[in-house]
Amino acid sequence: MKSIQPITSWSSGQSVQANTLNMYSINDNLSTSATFYYQILAVITDIDGNQISSTQVAEGNLYMGGADYEDWGNATDINEAAYVWAAQQLNLILV
């Protein structure tokens, strides 16, 4: 999970501040493409930084192929690169 610049969204009829991007690979053919599942969450933590609760405000799949997939495969830190790529696709800012 990565912190994002908070965005306002609706959940159960109320405005919430989403502040976290969670994602993981659900398919990677190890050659030309990968698909990621993502969630945008409003995460609440206690004073020690422990997660108390979270509310999902959005979810979906992102498909990566072509030059994006090649760049990802050549990255020094592929986990960080995947989050940066996803944030760009979703117009989010990682913090």
N, C-alpha and C. Protein backbone atom coordinates (compact mmCIF):
# COMPACT_ATOMS: atom_id res chain seq x y z
N MET A 1 0.84 -1.17 0.00
CA MET A 1 0.00 0.00 0.00
C MET A 1 0.89 1.24 0.00
N LYS A 2 0.39 2.27 -0.69
CA LYS A 2 1.12 3.53 -0.77
C LYS A 2 0.18 4.68 -0.42
N SER A 3 0.72 5.65 0.28
CA SER A 3 -0.05 6.85 0.60
C SER A 3 -0.16 7.72 -0.65
N ILE A 4 -1.31 8.34 -0.80
CA ILE A 4 -1.54 9.26 -1.91
C ILE A 4 -1.97 10.61 -1.37
N GLN A 5 -1.83 11.63 -2.19
CA GLN A 5 -2.38 12.93 -1.83
C GLN A 5 -3.89 12.71 -1.71
N PRO A 6 -4.50 13.10 -0.58
CA PRO A 6 -5.92 12.82 -0.37
C PRO A 6 -6.81 13.35 -1.49
N ILE A 7 -7.79 12.52 -1.84
CA ILE A 7 -8.82 12.92 -2.80
C ILE A 7 -10.17 12.73 -2.13
N THR A 8 -11.12 13.56 -2.48
CA THR A 8 -12.46 13.45 -1.92
C THR A 8 -13.30 12.53 -2.79
N SER A 9 -14.01 11.62 -2.15
CA SER A 9 -14.87 10.69 -2.85
C SER A 9 -16.12 10.44 -2.00
N TRP A 10 -17.08 9.76 -2.58
CA TRP A 10 -18.31 9.41 -1.86
C TRP A 10 -18.29 7.94 -1.48
N SER A 11 -18.77 7.66 -0.29
CA SER A 11 -18.92 6.28 0.17
C SER A 11 -20.14 6.23 1.07
N SER A 12 -21.10 5.42 0.71
CA SER A 12 -22.34 5.26 1.49
C SER A 12 -23.01 6.62 1.75
N GLY A 13 -23.00 7.47 0.74
CA GLY A 13 -23.69 8.75 0.85
C GLY A 13 -22.95 9.81 1.63
N GLN A 14 -21.68 9.55 1.99
CA GLN A 14 -20.91 10.53 2.74
C GLN A 14 -19.60 10.83 2.01
N SER A 15 -19.13 12.05 2.18
CA SER A 15 -17.85 12.45 1.62
C SER A 15 -16.73 11.90 2.49
N VAL A 16 -15.75 11.24 1.86
CA VAL A 16 -14.60 10.70 2.58
C VAL A 16 -13.31 11.13 1.88
N GLN A 17 -12.23 11.18 2.64
CA GLN A 17 -10.92 11.52 2.10
C GLN A 17 -10.13 10.24 1.87
N ALA A 18 -10.03 9.81 0.62
CA ALA A 18 -9.23 8.64 0.29
C ALA A 18 -7.76 9.03 0.33
N ASN A 19 -6.93 8.20 0.94
CA ASN A 19 -5.53 8.55 1.15
C ASN A 19 -4.55 7.42 0.86
N THR A 20 -5.04 6.30 0.32
CA THR A 20 -4.18 5.14 0.13
C THR A 20 -4.51 4.41 -1.18
N LEU A 21 -3.46 3.99 -1.87
CA LEU A 21 -3.60 3.15 -3.06
C LEU A 21 -3.05 1.77 -2.71
N ASN A 22 -3.86 0.76 -2.92
CA ASN A 22 -3.45 -0.62 -2.72
C ASN A 22 -3.57 -1.32 -4.07
N MET A 23 -2.61 -2.16 -4.38
CA MET A 23 -2.70 -2.89 -5.65
C MET A 23 -1.85 -4.15 -5.60
N TYR A 24 -2.20 -5.08 -6.47
CA TYR A 24 -1.39 -6.27 -6.64
C TYR A 24 -1.62 -6.86 -8.02
N SER A 25 -0.65 -7.61 -8.46
CA SER A 25 -0.71 -8.23 -9.78
C SER A 25 -1.68 -9.40 -9.75
N ILE A 26 -2.57 -9.43 -10.73
CA ILE A 26 -3.48 -10.57 -10.83
C ILE A 26 -3.16 -11.44 -12.04
N ASN A 27 -2.31 -10.90 -12.94
CA ASN A 27 -1.88 -11.69 -14.09
C ASN A 27 -0.63 -11.05 -14.68
N ASP A 28 0.35 -11.84 -14.97
CA ASP A 28 1.56 -11.37 -15.63
C ASP A 28 2.05 -12.52 -16.49
N ASN A 29 2.06 -12.31 -17.81
CA ASN A 29 2.49 -13.41 -18.69
C ASN A 29 4.01 -13.49 -18.80
N LEU A 30 4.73 -12.64 -18.04
CA LEU A 30 6.19 -12.64 -17.97
C LEU A 30 6.86 -12.38 -19.32
N SER A 31 6.08 -11.78 -20.24
CA SER A 31 6.63 -11.53 -21.56
C SER A 31 6.20 -10.18 -22.13
N THR A 32 4.88 -9.93 -22.14
CA THR A 32 4.40 -8.73 -22.83
C THR A 32 3.37 -7.91 -22.07
N SER A 33 2.75 -8.47 -21.02
CA SER A 33 1.68 -7.71 -20.36
C SER A 33 1.44 -8.20 -18.94
N ALA A 34 0.80 -7.31 -18.18
CA ALA A 34 0.40 -7.63 -16.81
C ALA A 34 -0.89 -6.90 -16.51
N THR A 35 -1.67 -7.46 -15.61
CA THR A 35 -2.90 -6.82 -15.15
C THR A 35 -2.82 -6.70 -13.64
N PHE A 36 -3.19 -5.53 -13.14
CA PHE A 36 -3.16 -5.24 -11.71
C PHE A 36 -4.56 -4.93 -11.21
N TYR A 37 -4.88 -5.42 -10.02
CA TYR A 37 -6.10 -5.04 -9.32
C TYR A 37 -5.72 -3.91 -8.37
N TYR A 38 -6.53 -2.84 -8.35
CA TYR A 38 -6.24 -1.73 -7.45
C TYR A 38 -7.46 -1.37 -6.61
N GLN A 39 -7.18 -0.78 -5.47
CA GLN A 39 -8.20 -0.22 -4.58
C GLN A 39 -7.72 1.16 -4.14
N ILE A 40 -8.64 2.11 -4.10
CA ILE A 40 -8.37 3.40 -3.50
C ILE A 40 -9.14 3.41 -2.20
N LEU A 41 -8.42 3.67 -1.10
CA LEU A 41 -8.98 3.50 0.24
C LEU A 41 -8.88 4.78 1.07
N ALA A 42 -9.84 4.93 1.96
CA ALA A 42 -9.76 5.93 3.04
C ALA A 42 -9.34 5.14 4.27
N VAL A 43 -8.07 5.27 4.64
CA VAL A 43 -7.51 4.51 5.76
C VAL A 43 -7.39 5.42 6.98
N ILE A 44 -7.84 4.92 8.11
CA ILE A 44 -7.73 5.64 9.37
C ILE A 44 -6.75 4.88 10.25
N THR A 45 -5.76 5.61 10.79
CA THR A 45 -4.76 4.99 11.66
C THR A 45 -4.80 5.62 13.05
N ASP A 46 -4.27 4.88 14.03
CA ASP A 46 -4.19 5.43 15.39
C ASP A 46 -2.91 6.23 15.53
N ILE A 47 -2.65 6.74 16.70
CA ILE A 47 -1.50 7.60 16.96
C ILE A 47 -0.17 6.89 16.71
N ASP A 48 -0.15 5.56 16.79
CA ASP A 48 1.06 4.77 16.56
C ASP A 48 1.21 4.35 15.10
N GLY A 49 0.27 4.75 14.24
CA GLY A 49 0.33 4.39 12.84
C GLY A 49 -0.30 3.06 12.48
N ASN A 50 -0.98 2.44 13.44
CA ASN A 50 -1.66 1.17 13.19
C ASN A 50 -3.01 1.44 12.52
N GLN A 51 -3.32 0.64 11.50
CA GLN A 51 -4.58 0.82 10.79
C GLN A 51 -5.75 0.43 11.68
N ILE A 52 -6.69 1.36 11.84
CA ILE A 52 -7.89 1.11 12.63
C ILE A 52 -9.02 0.62 11.74
N SER A 53 -9.19 1.32 10.61
CA SER A 53 -10.25 0.94 9.67
C SER A 53 -9.91 1.46 8.29
N SER A 54 -10.61 0.94 7.30
CA SER A 54 -10.46 1.46 5.95
C SER A 54 -11.79 1.33 5.22
N THR A 55 -12.02 2.26 4.31
CA THR A 55 -13.21 2.26 3.48
C THR A 55 -12.76 2.29 2.03
N GLN A 56 -13.21 1.34 1.25
CA GLN A 56 -12.87 1.30 -0.18
C GLN A 56 -13.76 2.30 -0.91
N VAL A 57 -13.15 3.20 -1.67
CA VAL A 57 -13.94 4.18 -2.42
C VAL A 57 -13.91 3.92 -3.92
N ALA A 58 -12.93 3.13 -4.38
CA ALA A 58 -12.86 2.76 -5.80
C ALA A 58 -12.03 1.50 -5.93
N GLU A 59 -12.28 0.76 -7.01
CA GLU A 59 -11.52 -0.44 -7.31
C GLU A 59 -11.60 -0.71 -8.80
N GLY A 60 -10.68 -1.51 -9.28
CA GLY A 60 -10.72 -1.87 -10.69
C GLY A 60 -9.46 -2.59 -11.10
N ASN A 61 -9.31 -2.77 -12.40
CA ASN A 61 -8.14 -3.42 -12.96
C ASN A 61 -7.43 -2.46 -13.90
N LEU A 62 -6.11 -2.55 -13.92
CA LEU A 62 -5.29 -1.78 -14.84
C LEU A 62 -4.47 -2.75 -15.67
N TYR A 63 -4.48 -2.55 -16.98
CA TYR A 63 -3.72 -3.40 -17.91
C TYR A 63 -2.45 -2.66 -18.33
N MET A 64 -1.33 -3.33 -18.25
CA MET A 64 -0.05 -2.76 -18.67
C MET A 64 0.52 -3.60 -19.80
N GLY A 65 0.89 -2.94 -20.87
CA GLY A 65 1.49 -3.64 -22.00
C GLY A 65 2.44 -2.73 -22.75
N GLY A 66 3.04 -3.24 -23.80
CA GLY A 66 3.91 -2.45 -24.67
C GLY A 66 5.11 -1.88 -23.94
N ALA A 67 5.42 -0.61 -24.26
CA ALA A 67 6.59 0.06 -23.69
C ALA A 67 6.49 0.17 -22.17
N ASP A 68 5.27 0.37 -21.65
CA ASP A 68 5.10 0.45 -20.20
C ASP A 68 5.55 -0.85 -19.54
N TYR A 69 5.19 -1.98 -20.13
CA TYR A 69 5.59 -3.27 -19.56
C TYR A 69 7.11 -3.45 -19.64
N GLU A 70 7.70 -3.08 -20.75
CA GLU A 70 9.16 -3.19 -20.89
C GLU A 70 9.87 -2.30 -19.87
N ASP A 71 9.41 -1.07 -19.72
CA ASP A 71 10.01 -0.15 -18.74
C ASP A 71 9.89 -0.70 -17.33
N TRP A 72 8.73 -1.26 -17.01
CA TRP A 72 8.50 -1.84 -15.69
C TRP A 72 9.48 -2.99 -15.44
N GLY A 73 9.66 -3.84 -16.43
CA GLY A 73 10.56 -4.97 -16.29
C GLY A 73 12.02 -4.57 -16.13
N ASN A 74 12.37 -3.38 -16.62
CA ASN A 74 13.75 -2.90 -16.52
C ASN A 74 13.99 -2.02 -15.29
N ALA A 75 12.96 -1.78 -14.51
CA ALA A 75 13.09 -0.90 -13.35
C ALA A 75 13.95 -1.55 -12.26
N THR A 76 14.64 -0.72 -11.52
CA THR A 76 15.46 -1.19 -10.40
C THR A 76 14.58 -1.77 -9.30
N ASP A 77 13.46 -1.10 -9.02
CA ASP A 77 12.49 -1.55 -8.01
C ASP A 77 11.14 -1.69 -8.70
N ILE A 78 10.80 -2.92 -9.11
CA ILE A 78 9.58 -3.11 -9.89
C ILE A 78 8.31 -2.83 -9.08
N ASN A 79 8.35 -3.02 -7.78
CA ASN A 79 7.18 -2.71 -6.96
C ASN A 79 6.90 -1.22 -6.97
N GLU A 80 7.92 -0.41 -6.72
CA GLU A 80 7.77 1.04 -6.74
C GLU A 80 7.35 1.51 -8.13
N ALA A 81 7.96 0.94 -9.16
CA ALA A 81 7.63 1.32 -10.53
C ALA A 81 6.17 1.01 -10.87
N ALA A 82 5.66 -0.09 -10.37
CA ALA A 82 4.26 -0.44 -10.62
C ALA A 82 3.32 0.57 -9.96
N TYR A 83 3.63 0.97 -8.73
CA TYR A 83 2.81 1.98 -8.05
C TYR A 83 2.86 3.32 -8.76
N VAL A 84 4.05 3.73 -9.20
CA VAL A 84 4.19 5.00 -9.91
C VAL A 84 3.38 4.96 -11.20
N TRP A 85 3.49 3.88 -11.94
CA TRP A 85 2.73 3.73 -13.19
C TRP A 85 1.23 3.77 -12.93
N ALA A 86 0.76 3.03 -11.92
CA ALA A 86 -0.67 2.99 -11.61
C ALA A 86 -1.17 4.37 -11.19
N ALA A 87 -0.40 5.07 -10.37
CA ALA A 87 -0.80 6.41 -9.94
C ALA A 87 -0.96 7.33 -11.15
N GLN A 88 -0.06 7.21 -12.12
CA GLN A 88 -0.18 8.02 -13.33
C GLN A 88 -1.46 7.68 -14.09
N GLN A 89 -1.77 6.39 -14.19
CA GLN A 89 -2.98 5.98 -14.90
C GLN A 89 -4.25 6.48 -14.24
N LEU A 90 -4.21 6.57 -12.91
CA LEU A 90 -5.40 6.95 -12.13
C LEU A 90 -5.41 8.43 -11.74
N ASN A 91 -4.45 9.19 -12.23
CA ASN A 91 -4.34 10.63 -11.88
C ASN A 91 -4.24 10.84 -10.37
N LEU A 92 -3.42 10.02 -9.73
CA LEU A 92 -3.17 10.14 -8.30
C LEU A 92 -1.74 10.60 -8.08
N ILE A 93 -1.48 11.20 -6.93
CA ILE A 93 -0.14 11.65 -6.59
C ILE A 93 0.32 10.86 -5.37
N LEU A 94 1.42 10.10 -5.54
CA LEU A 94 1.99 9.37 -4.41
C LEU A 94 2.70 10.33 -3.49
N VAL A 95 2.60 10.08 -2.19
CA VAL A 95 3.32 10.92 -1.21
C VAL A 95 4.23 10.07 -0.35
